Amino acid sequence: MSMQSHLADLEKRHRALEDELADAIAHPSTDDLRIAELKRRKLKLKDEMARLQGRAAETVH
């Protein structure tokens, strides 16, 4: 998998988690642990995207 396609996949998964998180927050019956887990997963994806983008910038220079 190329770096660009991997990054696109991560961005797609990040957006899906954003939607899932917004839906969970909108429902008051959602467990706080579930919301925390979604936020953790979203942050992990964001960190990986930043790492890949940094690596891509290094290869350009």
PDB file of N, CA and C in Angstrom:
ATOM      1  N   MET A   1       0.853  -1.171   0.000  1.00  0.00           N
ATOM      2  CA  MET A   1       0.000   0.000   0.000  1.00  0.00           C
ATOM      3  C   MET A   1       0.899   1.234   0.000  1.00  0.00           C
ATOM      4  N   SER A   2       0.624   2.138  -0.892  1.00  0.00           N
ATOM      5  CA  SER A   2       1.425   3.356  -0.950  1.00  0.00           C
ATOM      6  C   SER A   2       1.120   4.240   0.248  1.00  0.00           C
ATOM      7  N   MET A   3       2.024   5.158   0.521  1.00  0.00           N
ATOM      8  CA  MET A   3       1.845   6.050   1.659  1.00  0.00           C
ATOM      9  C   MET A   3       0.603   6.914   1.467  1.00  0.00           C
ATOM     10  N   GLN A   4       0.362   7.373   0.250  1.00  0.00           N
ATOM     11  CA  GLN A   4      -0.803   8.214  -0.031  1.00  0.00           C
ATOM     12  C   GLN A   4      -2.112   7.449   0.189  1.00  0.00           C
ATOM     13  N   SER A   5      -2.167   6.212  -0.275  1.00  0.00           N
ATOM     14  CA  SER A   5      -3.400   5.437  -0.107  1.00  0.00           C
ATOM     15  C   SER A   5      -3.611   5.072   1.359  1.00  0.00           C
ATOM     16  N   HIS A   6      -2.517   4.808   2.068  1.00  0.00           N
ATOM     17  CA  HIS A   6      -2.617   4.520   3.501  1.00  0.00           C
ATOM     18  C   HIS A   6      -3.127   5.755   4.251  1.00  0.00           C
ATOM     19  N   LEU A   7      -2.613   6.913   3.890  1.00  0.00           N
ATOM     20  CA  LEU A   7      -3.043   8.161   4.510  1.00  0.00           C
ATOM     21  C   LEU A   7      -4.525   8.431   4.204  1.00  0.00           C
ATOM     22  N   ALA A   8      -4.939   8.183   2.982  1.00  0.00           N
ATOM     23  CA  ALA A   8      -6.344   8.370   2.607  1.00  0.00           C
ATOM     24  C   ALA A   8      -7.241   7.428   3.406  1.00  0.00           C
ATOM     25  N   ASP A   9      -6.787   6.194   3.610  1.00  0.00           N
ATOM     26  CA  ASP A   9      -7.547   5.233   4.403  1.00  0.00           C
ATOM     27  C   ASP A   9      -7.664   5.703   5.855  1.00  0.00           C
ATOM     28  N   LEU A  10      -6.580   6.216   6.407  1.00  0.00           N
ATOM     29  CA  LEU A  10      -6.606   6.721   7.778  1.00  0.00           C
ATOM     30  C   LEU A  10      -7.557   7.911   7.906  1.00  0.00           C
ATOM     31  N   GLU A  11      -7.541   8.801   6.917  1.00  0.00           N
ATOM     32  CA  GLU A  11      -8.442   9.958   6.935  1.00  0.00           C
ATOM     33  C   GLU A  11      -9.902   9.513   6.867  1.00  0.00           C
ATOM     34  N   LYS A  12     -10.175   8.503   6.067  1.00  0.00           N
ATOM     35  CA  LYS A  12     -11.531   7.967   5.953  1.00  0.00           C
ATOM     36  C   LYS A  12     -11.977   7.377   7.286  1.00  0.00           C
ATOM     37  N   ARG A  13     -11.110   6.609   7.930  1.00  0.00           N
ATOM     38  CA  ARG A  13     -11.435   6.016   9.228  1.00  0.00           C
ATOM     39  C   ARG A  13     -11.600   7.097  10.296  1.00  0.00           C
ATOM     40  N   HIS A  14     -10.799   8.162  10.211  1.00  0.00           N
ATOM     41  CA  HIS A  14     -10.895   9.268  11.164  1.00  0.00           C
ATOM     42  C   HIS A  14     -12.255   9.955  11.032  1.00  0.00           C
ATOM     43  N   ARG A  15     -12.685  10.209   9.800  1.00  0.00           N
ATOM     44  CA  ARG A  15     -13.997  10.829   9.572  1.00  0.00           C
ATOM     45  C   ARG A  15     -15.129   9.932  10.088  1.00  0.00           C
ATOM     46  N   ALA A  16     -15.001   8.628   9.874  1.00  0.00           N
ATOM     47  CA  ALA A  16     -16.027   7.692  10.350  1.00  0.00           C
ATOM     48  C   ALA A  16     -16.096   7.716  11.881  1.00  0.00           C
ATOM     49  N   LEU A  17     -14.938   7.800  12.526  1.00  0.00           N
ATOM     50  CA  LEU A  17     -14.929   7.884  13.979  1.00  0.00           C
ATOM     51  C   LEU A  17     -15.528   9.206  14.454  1.00  0.00           C
ATOM     52  N   GLU A  18     -15.275  10.294  13.730  1.00  0.00           N
ATOM     53  CA  GLU A  18     -15.885  11.584  14.072  1.00  0.00           C
ATOM     54  C   GLU A  18     -17.404  11.469  14.049  1.00  0.00           C
ATOM     55  N   ASP A  19     -17.931  10.832  13.019  1.00  0.00           N
ATOM     56  CA  ASP A  19     -19.376  10.648  12.902  1.00  0.00           C
ATOM     57  C   ASP A  19     -19.914   9.769  14.028  1.00  0.00           C
ATOM     58  N   GLU A  20     -19.201   8.673  14.307  1.00  0.00           N
ATOM     59  CA  GLU A  20     -19.628   7.769  15.367  1.00  0.00           C
ATOM     60  C   GLU A  20     -19.589   8.465  16.733  1.00  0.00           C
ATOM     61  N   LEU A  21     -18.559   9.270  16.950  1.00  0.00           N
ATOM     62  CA  LEU A  21     -18.429  10.009  18.205  1.00  0.00           C
ATOM     63  C   LEU A  21     -19.550  11.038  18.348  1.00  0.00           C
ATOM     64  N   ALA A  22     -19.840  11.763  17.291  1.00  0.00           N
ATOM     65  CA  ALA A  22     -20.921  12.758  17.333  1.00  0.00           C
ATOM     66  C   ALA A  22     -22.251  12.080  17.633  1.00  0.00           C
ATOM     67  N   ASP A  23     -22.471  10.928  17.036  1.00  0.00           N
ATOM     68  CA  ASP A  23     -23.702  10.176  17.287  1.00  0.00           C
ATOM     69  C   ASP A  23     -23.755   9.707  18.740  1.00  0.00           C
ATOM     70  N   ALA A  24     -22.649   9.234  19.263  1.00  0.00           N
ATOM     71  CA  ALA A  24     -22.601   8.753  20.648  1.00  0.00           C
ATOM     72  C   ALA A  24     -22.847   9.892  21.627  1.00  0.00           C
ATOM     73  N   ILE A  25     -22.272  11.047  21.350  1.00  0.00           N
ATOM     74  CA  ILE A  25     -22.449  12.206  22.234  1.00  0.00           C
ATOM     75  C   ILE A  25     -23.899  12.688  22.201  1.00  0.00           C
ATOM     76  N   ALA A  26     -24.541  12.570  21.061  1.00  0.00           N
ATOM     77  CA  ALA A  26     -25.927  13.021  20.910  1.00  0.00           C
ATOM     78  C   ALA A  26     -26.916  12.159  21.695  1.00  0.00           C
ATOM     79  N   HIS A  27     -26.520  10.942  22.010  1.00  0.00           N
ATOM     80  CA  HIS A  27     -27.403  10.042  22.755  1.00  0.00           C
ATOM     81  C   HIS A  27     -26.969  10.009  24.222  1.00  0.00           C
ATOM     82  N   PRO A  28     -27.793  10.544  25.095  1.00  0.00           N
ATOM     83  CA  PRO A  28     -27.411  10.618  26.506  1.00  0.00           C
ATOM     84  C   PRO A  28     -27.214   9.251  27.159  1.00  0.00           C
ATOM     85  N   SER A  29     -27.742   8.203  26.567  1.00  0.00           N
ATOM     86  CA  SER A  29     -27.590   6.879  27.162  1.00  0.00           C
ATOM     87  C   SER A  29     -26.230   6.248  26.875  1.00  0.00           C
ATOM     88  N   THR A  30     -25.421   6.882  26.039  1.00  0.00           N
ATOM     89  CA  THR A  30     -24.112   6.344  25.697  1.00  0.00           C
ATOM     90  C   THR A  30     -23.194   6.389  26.905  1.00  0.00           C
ATOM     91  N   ASP A  31     -22.532   5.285  27.152  1.00  0.00           N
ATOM     92  CA  ASP A  31     -21.603   5.150  28.268  1.00  0.00           C
ATOM     93  C   ASP A  31     -20.404   6.078  28.075  1.00  0.00           C
ATOM     94  N   ASP A  32     -19.981   6.728  29.149  1.00  0.00           N
ATOM     95  CA  ASP A  32     -18.820   7.624  29.087  1.00  0.00           C
ATOM     96  C   ASP A  32     -17.552   6.886  28.670  1.00  0.00           C
ATOM     97  N   LEU A  33     -17.437   5.621  29.052  1.00  0.00           N
ATOM     98  CA  LEU A  33     -16.265   4.837  28.649  1.00  0.00           C
ATOM     99  C   LEU A  33     -16.243   4.620  27.140  1.00  0.00           C
ATOM    100  N   ARG A  34     -17.408   4.465  26.542  1.00  0.00           N
ATOM    101  CA  ARG A  34     -17.505   4.301  25.084  1.00  0.00           C
ATOM    102  C   ARG A  34     -17.046   5.586  24.382  1.00  0.00           C
ATOM    103  N   ILE A  35     -17.486   6.714  24.894  1.00  0.00           N
ATOM    104  CA  ILE A  35     -17.089   7.998  24.318  1.00  0.00           C
ATOM    105  C   ILE A  35     -15.582   8.192  24.457  1.00  0.00           C
ATOM    106  N   ALA A  36     -15.034   7.861  25.619  1.00  0.00           N
ATOM    107  CA  ALA A  36     -13.591   7.993  25.835  1.00  0.00           C
ATOM    108  C   ALA A  36     -12.815   7.085  24.884  1.00  0.00           C
ATOM    109  N   GLU A  37     -13.309   5.869  24.660  1.00  0.00           N
ATOM    110  CA  GLU A  37     -12.644   4.942  23.744  1.00  0.00           C
ATOM    111  C   GLU A  37     -12.666   5.472  22.318  1.00  0.00           C
ATOM    112  N   LEU A  38     -13.783   6.028  21.885  1.00  0.00           N
ATOM    113  CA  LEU A  38     -13.869   6.603  20.537  1.00  0.00           C
ATOM    114  C   LEU A  38     -12.893   7.774  20.388  1.00  0.00           C
ATOM    115  N   LYS A  39     -12.810   8.615  21.401  1.00  0.00           N
ATOM    116  CA  LYS A  39     -11.884   9.750  21.359  1.00  0.00           C
ATOM    117  C   LYS A  39     -10.440   9.254  21.299  1.00  0.00           C
ATOM    118  N   ARG A  40     -10.141   8.218  22.065  1.00  0.00           N
ATOM    119  CA  ARG A  40      -8.780   7.661  22.073  1.00  0.00           C
ATOM    120  C   ARG A  40      -8.415   7.104  20.701  1.00  0.00           C
ATOM    121  N   ARG A  41      -9.342   6.360  20.097  1.00  0.00           N
ATOM    122  CA  ARG A  41      -9.091   5.795  18.771  1.00  0.00           C
ATOM    123  C   ARG A  41      -8.910   6.888  17.727  1.00  0.00           C
ATOM    124  N   LYS A  42      -9.733   7.940  17.827  1.00  0.00           N
ATOM    125  CA  LYS A  42      -9.648   9.061  16.887  1.00  0.00           C
ATOM    126  C   LYS A  42      -8.297   9.762  17.022  1.00  0.00           C
ATOM    127  N   LEU A  43      -7.856   9.982  18.247  1.00  0.00           N
ATOM    128  CA  LEU A  43      -6.566  10.625  18.474  1.00  0.00           C
ATOM    129  C   LEU A  43      -5.416   9.771  17.959  1.00  0.00           C
ATOM    130  N   LYS A  44      -5.515   8.466  18.149  1.00  0.00           N
ATOM    131  CA  LYS A  44      -4.476   7.559  17.654  1.00  0.00           C
ATOM    132  C   LYS A  44      -4.362   7.656  16.128  1.00  0.00           C
ATOM    133  N   LEU A  45      -5.505   7.704  15.449  1.00  0.00           N
ATOM    134  CA  LEU A  45      -5.487   7.846  13.984  1.00  0.00           C
ATOM    135  C   LEU A  45      -4.895   9.193  13.583  1.00  0.00           C
ATOM    136  N   LYS A  46      -5.265  10.248  14.305  1.00  0.00           N
ATOM    137  CA  LYS A  46      -4.742  11.582  13.990  1.00  0.00           C
ATOM    138  C   LYS A  46      -3.227  11.609  14.155  1.00  0.00           C
ATOM    139  N   ASP A  47      -2.729  10.976  15.215  1.00  0.00           N
ATOM    140  CA  ASP A  47      -1.281  10.917  15.430  1.00  0.00           C
ATOM    141  C   ASP A  47      -0.578  10.156  14.312  1.00  0.00           C
ATOM    142  N   GLU A  48      -1.176   9.050  13.887  1.00  0.00           N
ATOM    143  CA  GLU A  48      -0.565   8.284  12.809  1.00  0.00           C
ATOM    144  C   GLU A  48      -0.583   9.057  11.499  1.00  0.00           C
ATOM    145  N   MET A  49      -1.665   9.801  11.241  1.00  0.00           N
ATOM    146  CA  MET A  49      -1.724  10.617  10.027  1.00  0.00           C
ATOM    147  C   MET A  49      -0.635  11.687  10.062  1.00  0.00           C
ATOM    148  N   ALA A  50      -0.439  12.325  11.207  1.00  0.00           N
ATOM    149  CA  ALA A  50       0.591  13.359  11.332  1.00  0.00           C
ATOM    150  C   ALA A  50       1.980  12.754  11.122  1.00  0.00           C
ATOM    151  N   ARG A  51       2.186  11.564  11.653  1.00  0.00           N
ATOM    152  CA  ARG A  51       3.479  10.890  11.476  1.00  0.00           C
ATOM    153  C   ARG A  51       3.734  10.591  10.003  1.00  0.00           C
ATOM    154  N   LEU A  52       2.730  10.084   9.315  1.00  0.00           N
ATOM    155  CA  LEU A  52       2.884   9.774   7.889  1.00  0.00           C
ATOM    156  C   LEU A  52       3.090  11.034   7.062  1.00  0.00           C
ATOM    157  N   GLN A  53       2.372  12.100   7.390  1.00  0.00           N
ATOM    158  CA  GLN A  53       2.523  13.354   6.661  1.00  0.00           C
ATOM    159  C   GLN A  53       3.921  13.922   6.897  1.00  0.00           C
ATOM    160  N   GLY A  54       4.436  13.781   8.097  1.00  0.00           N
ATOM    161  CA  GLY A  54       5.805  14.231   8.389  1.00  0.00           C
ATOM    162  C   GLY A  54       6.815  13.429   7.606  1.00  0.00           C
ATOM    163  N   ARG A  55       6.584  12.132   7.529  1.00  0.00           N
ATOM    164  CA  ARG A  55       7.497  11.272   6.764  1.00  0.00           C
ATOM    165  C   ARG A  55       7.440  11.616   5.278  1.00  0.00           C
ATOM    166  N   ALA A  56       6.238  11.912   4.784  1.00  0.00           N
ATOM    167  CA  ALA A  56       6.084  12.288   3.370  1.00  0.00           C
ATOM    168  C   ALA A  56       6.807  13.600   3.087  1.00  0.00           C
ATOM    169  N   ALA A  57       6.734  14.537   4.029  1.00  0.00           N
ATOM    170  CA  ALA A  57       7.413  15.823   3.853  1.00  0.00           C
ATOM    171  C   ALA A  57       8.915  15.641   3.839  1.00  0.00           C
ATOM    172  N   GLU A  58       9.415  14.699   4.632  1.00  0.00           N
ATOM    173  CA  GLU A  58      10.860  14.428   4.664  1.00  0.00           C
ATOM    174  C   GLU A  58      11.352  13.874   3.341  1.00  0.00           C
ATOM    175  N   THR A  59      10.540  13.031   2.698  1.00  0.00           N
ATOM    176  CA  THR A  59      10.982  12.426   1.442  1.00  0.00           C
ATOM    177  C   THR A  59      10.960  13.433   0.297  1.00  0.00           C
ATOM    178  N   VAL A  60      10.164  14.492   0.418  1.00  0.00           N
ATOM    179  CA  VAL A  60      10.104  15.510  -0.616  1.00  0.00           C
ATOM    180  C   VAL A  60      11.371  16.353  -0.601  1.00  0.00           C
ATOM    181  N   HIS A  61      11.901  16.615   0.586  1.00  0.00           N
ATOM    182  CA  HIS A  61      13.094  17.455   0.720  1.00  0.00           C
ATOM    183  C   HIS A  61      14.290  16.698   0.381  1.00  0.00           C
TER     184      HIS A  61
END
